[in-house]
Amino acid sequence: MLPPVVLAAECSLDWVCVRPQTQDDGVVLFLGENLRDFPVTVSLRVRSRTLEGTPNPVTMTIPAR
Protein backbone atom coordinates (compact mmCIF):
# COMPACT_ATOMS: atom_id res chain seq x y z
CA MET A 1 0.00 0.00 0.00
CA LEU A 2 1.33 3.42 -0.97
CA PRO A 3 1.43 6.25 1.57
CA PRO A 4 -1.39 8.80 1.40
CA VAL A 5 -0.91 11.93 -0.66
CA VAL A 6 -0.35 15.15 1.22
CA LEU A 7 -2.67 18.05 0.32
CA ALA A 8 -0.68 20.97 1.63
CA ALA A 9 1.60 23.77 0.56
CA GLU A 10 4.53 21.74 1.87
CA CYS A 11 5.26 18.06 1.24
CA SER A 12 6.22 15.86 4.13
CA LEU A 13 6.48 12.51 2.34
CA ASP A 14 9.25 11.40 0.00
CA TRP A 15 6.76 10.13 -2.55
CA VAL A 16 4.14 12.25 -4.32
CA CYS A 17 2.81 15.63 -3.29
CA VAL A 18 -0.38 17.19 -4.60
CA ARG A 19 -0.89 20.89 -4.13
CA PRO A 20 -4.28 22.52 -4.71
CA GLN A 21 -4.07 25.87 -6.49
CA THR A 22 -7.15 28.13 -6.69
CA GLN A 23 -7.34 30.43 -9.68
CA ASP A 24 -8.97 33.88 -9.69
CA ASP A 25 -12.16 32.46 -11.25
CA GLY A 26 -12.55 29.93 -8.40
CA VAL A 27 -11.34 26.92 -10.42
CA VAL A 28 -9.09 24.64 -8.39
CA LEU A 29 -6.14 22.97 -10.12
CA PHE A 30 -4.21 20.14 -8.49
CA LEU A 31 -0.48 20.17 -9.20
CA GLY A 32 1.32 16.87 -8.69
CA GLU A 33 5.01 16.55 -7.87
CA ASN A 34 6.78 13.22 -8.02
CA LEU A 35 9.70 13.07 -5.57
CA ARG A 36 10.89 9.64 -6.72
CA ASP A 37 13.45 8.55 -9.34
CA PHE A 38 10.82 6.70 -11.37
CA PRO A 39 7.41 7.58 -12.86
CA VAL A 40 4.44 7.29 -10.49
CA THR A 41 0.81 6.83 -11.50
CA VAL A 42 -1.71 8.57 -9.25
CA SER A 43 -5.49 8.74 -9.10
CA LEU A 44 -7.29 11.72 -7.66
CA ARG A 45 -10.96 11.48 -6.74
CA VAL A 46 -12.70 14.79 -6.16
CA ARG A 47 -16.09 15.30 -4.54
CA SER A 48 -17.79 18.45 -5.70
CA ARG A 49 -21.30 19.68 -6.36
CA THR A 50 -20.06 21.64 -9.36
CA LEU A 51 -17.75 19.09 -11.00
CA GLU A 52 -18.74 18.98 -14.65
CA GLY A 53 -17.18 17.33 -17.67
CA THR A 54 -14.23 15.82 -15.85
CA PRO A 55 -13.78 12.07 -15.35
CA ASN A 56 -13.69 11.08 -11.71
CA PRO A 57 -11.27 9.74 -10.61
CA VAL A 58 -8.59 11.37 -12.73
CA THR A 59 -5.59 9.09 -13.24
CA MET A 60 -2.25 10.25 -14.62
CA THR A 61 1.41 9.32 -14.60
CA ILE A 62 3.82 11.90 -13.22
CA PRO A 63 7.37 11.63 -14.61
CA ALA A 64 10.32 11.03 -12.29
CA ARG A 65 11.47 14.04 -10.28
C-alpha atoms as a PDB file:
ATOM      1  CA  MET A   1       0.000   0.000   0.000  1.00  0.00           C
ATOM      2  CA  LEU A   2       1.330   3.419  -0.970  1.00  0.00           C
ATOM      3  CA  PRO A   3       1.432   6.247   1.568  1.00  0.00           C
ATOM      4  CA  PRO A   4      -1.389   8.801   1.402  1.00  0.00           C
ATOM      5  CA  VAL A   5      -0.912  11.926  -0.658  1.00  0.00           C
ATOM      6  CA  VAL A   6      -0.347  15.154   1.224  1.00  0.00           C
ATOM      7  CA  LEU A   7      -2.665  18.049   0.316  1.00  0.00           C
ATOM      8  CA  ALA A   8      -0.685  20.967   1.627  1.00  0.00           C
ATOM      9  CA  ALA A   9       1.601  23.773   0.560  1.00  0.00           C
ATOM     10  CA  GLU A  10       4.530  21.742   1.867  1.00  0.00           C
ATOM     11  CA  CYS A  11       5.264  18.062   1.244  1.00  0.00           C
ATOM     12  CA  SER A  12       6.224  15.864   4.134  1.00  0.00           C
ATOM     13  CA  LEU A  13       6.485  12.508   2.344  1.00  0.00           C
ATOM     14  CA  ASP A  14       9.254  11.400   0.000  1.00  0.00           C
ATOM     15  CA  TRP A  15       6.763  10.127  -2.554  1.00  0.00           C
ATOM     16  CA  VAL A  16       4.135  12.249  -4.325  1.00  0.00           C
ATOM     17  CA  CYS A  17       2.805  15.630  -3.287  1.00  0.00           C
ATOM     18  CA  VAL A  18      -0.378  17.191  -4.604  1.00  0.00           C
ATOM     19  CA  ARG A  19      -0.892  20.891  -4.135  1.00  0.00           C
ATOM     20  CA  PRO A  20      -4.277  22.518  -4.714  1.00  0.00           C
ATOM     21  CA  GLN A  21      -4.071  25.871  -6.494  1.00  0.00           C
ATOM     22  CA  THR A  22      -7.145  28.125  -6.689  1.00  0.00           C
ATOM     23  CA  GLN A  23      -7.339  30.426  -9.681  1.00  0.00           C
ATOM     24  CA  ASP A  24      -8.970  33.875  -9.689  1.00  0.00           C
ATOM     25  CA  ASP A  25     -12.156  32.458 -11.246  1.00  0.00           C
ATOM     26  CA  GLY A  26     -12.551  29.926  -8.401  1.00  0.00           C
ATOM     27  CA  VAL A  27     -11.340  26.925 -10.418  1.00  0.00           C
ATOM     28  CA  VAL A  28      -9.087  24.644  -8.391  1.00  0.00           C
ATOM     29  CA  LEU A  29      -6.142  22.970 -10.117  1.00  0.00           C
ATOM     30  CA  PHE A  30      -4.210  20.142  -8.486  1.00  0.00           C
ATOM     31  CA  LEU A  31      -0.481  20.168  -9.196  1.00  0.00           C
ATOM     32  CA  GLY A  32       1.324  16.866  -8.688  1.00  0.00           C
ATOM     33  CA  GLU A  33       5.014  16.553  -7.875  1.00  0.00           C
ATOM     34  CA  ASN A  34       6.784  13.215  -8.018  1.00  0.00           C
ATOM     35  CA  LEU A  35       9.698  13.075  -5.570  1.00  0.00           C
ATOM     36  CA  ARG A  36      10.889   9.637  -6.720  1.00  0.00           C
ATOM     37  CA  ASP A  37      13.453   8.555  -9.336  1.00  0.00           C
ATOM     38  CA  PHE A  38      10.818   6.697 -11.367  1.00  0.00           C
ATOM     39  CA  PRO A  39       7.414   7.578 -12.861  1.00  0.00           C
ATOM     40  CA  VAL A  40       4.445   7.293 -10.492  1.00  0.00           C
ATOM     41  CA  THR A  41       0.808   6.829 -11.499  1.00  0.00           C
ATOM     42  CA  VAL A  42      -1.705   8.566  -9.248  1.00  0.00           C
ATOM     43  CA  SER A  43      -5.490   8.738  -9.100  1.00  0.00           C
ATOM     44  CA  LEU A  44      -7.285  11.724  -7.664  1.00  0.00           C
ATOM     45  CA  ARG A  45     -10.962  11.482  -6.744  1.00  0.00           C
ATOM     46  CA  VAL A  46     -12.703  14.788  -6.156  1.00  0.00           C
ATOM     47  CA  ARG A  47     -16.091  15.299  -4.537  1.00  0.00           C
ATOM     48  CA  SER A  48     -17.788  18.452  -5.703  1.00  0.00           C
ATOM     49  CA  ARG A  49     -21.300  19.675  -6.362  1.00  0.00           C
ATOM     50  CA  THR A  50     -20.063  21.643  -9.358  1.00  0.00           C
ATOM     51  CA  LEU A  51     -17.746  19.091 -10.997  1.00  0.00           C
ATOM     52  CA  GLU A  52     -18.744  18.982 -14.650  1.00  0.00           C
ATOM     53  CA  GLY A  53     -17.184  17.330 -17.674  1.00  0.00           C
ATOM     54  CA  THR A  54     -14.226  15.816 -15.847  1.00  0.00           C
ATOM     55  CA  PRO A  55     -13.779  12.075 -15.353  1.00  0.00           C
ATOM     56  CA  ASN A  56     -13.689  11.078 -11.707  1.00  0.00           C
ATOM     57  CA  PRO A  57     -11.274   9.742 -10.614  1.00  0.00           C
ATOM     58  CA  VAL A  58      -8.595  11.375 -12.726  1.00  0.00           C
ATOM     59  CA  THR A  59      -5.589   9.085 -13.243  1.00  0.00           C
ATOM     60  CA  MET A  60      -2.253  10.252 -14.620  1.00  0.00           C
ATOM     61  CA  THR A  61       1.414   9.318 -14.599  1.00  0.00           C
ATOM     62  CA  ILE A  62       3.816  11.901 -13.224  1.00  0.00           C
ATOM     63  CA  PRO A  63       7.369  11.632 -14.614  1.00  0.00           C
ATOM     64  CA  ALA A  64      10.316  11.030 -12.287  1.00  0.00           C
ATOM     65  CA  ARG A  65      11.471  14.038 -10.283  1.00  0.00           C
END
